[in-house]
Amino acid sequence: PAPTGRTVPMSAAAGAAAMLGAAPAYADKIDDAAKKLSEASYPFLKEIDWTSDVYAKVPTQSPAAVLKAIDSMLKMGAAMDPSALKAGVLAHSTAI
């Protein structure tokens, strides 16, 4: 018998085998959108001084001020209209 905890159900093995030959869904649309985004953002990214030390500096705000900002963001997120959020996600998904 096989060692305990090391067996894989046949359904999982069959599913994994089937996925190996499956093409990713919507790959062309995603690739097209990624290409469009990279072409549009590349000029902006070239203008950033990536050698600047500003990215390595510790934030100048106190922990209490950072906590207050995070608290505000969480409250805004909790106040969002779930159906509007769902509609936005679906519109984004459809656009891709």
Foldseek 3Di string as FASTA:
>chain_A
DDDPPPDDDPVVVVVVVVVVPDDDPPPVVVVVVVVVVCVVCVVVVVPDPPPDCPVVDDDPDDPVVVVVVVVVVVVVVVPDDVVVVVVVVVVVVVND
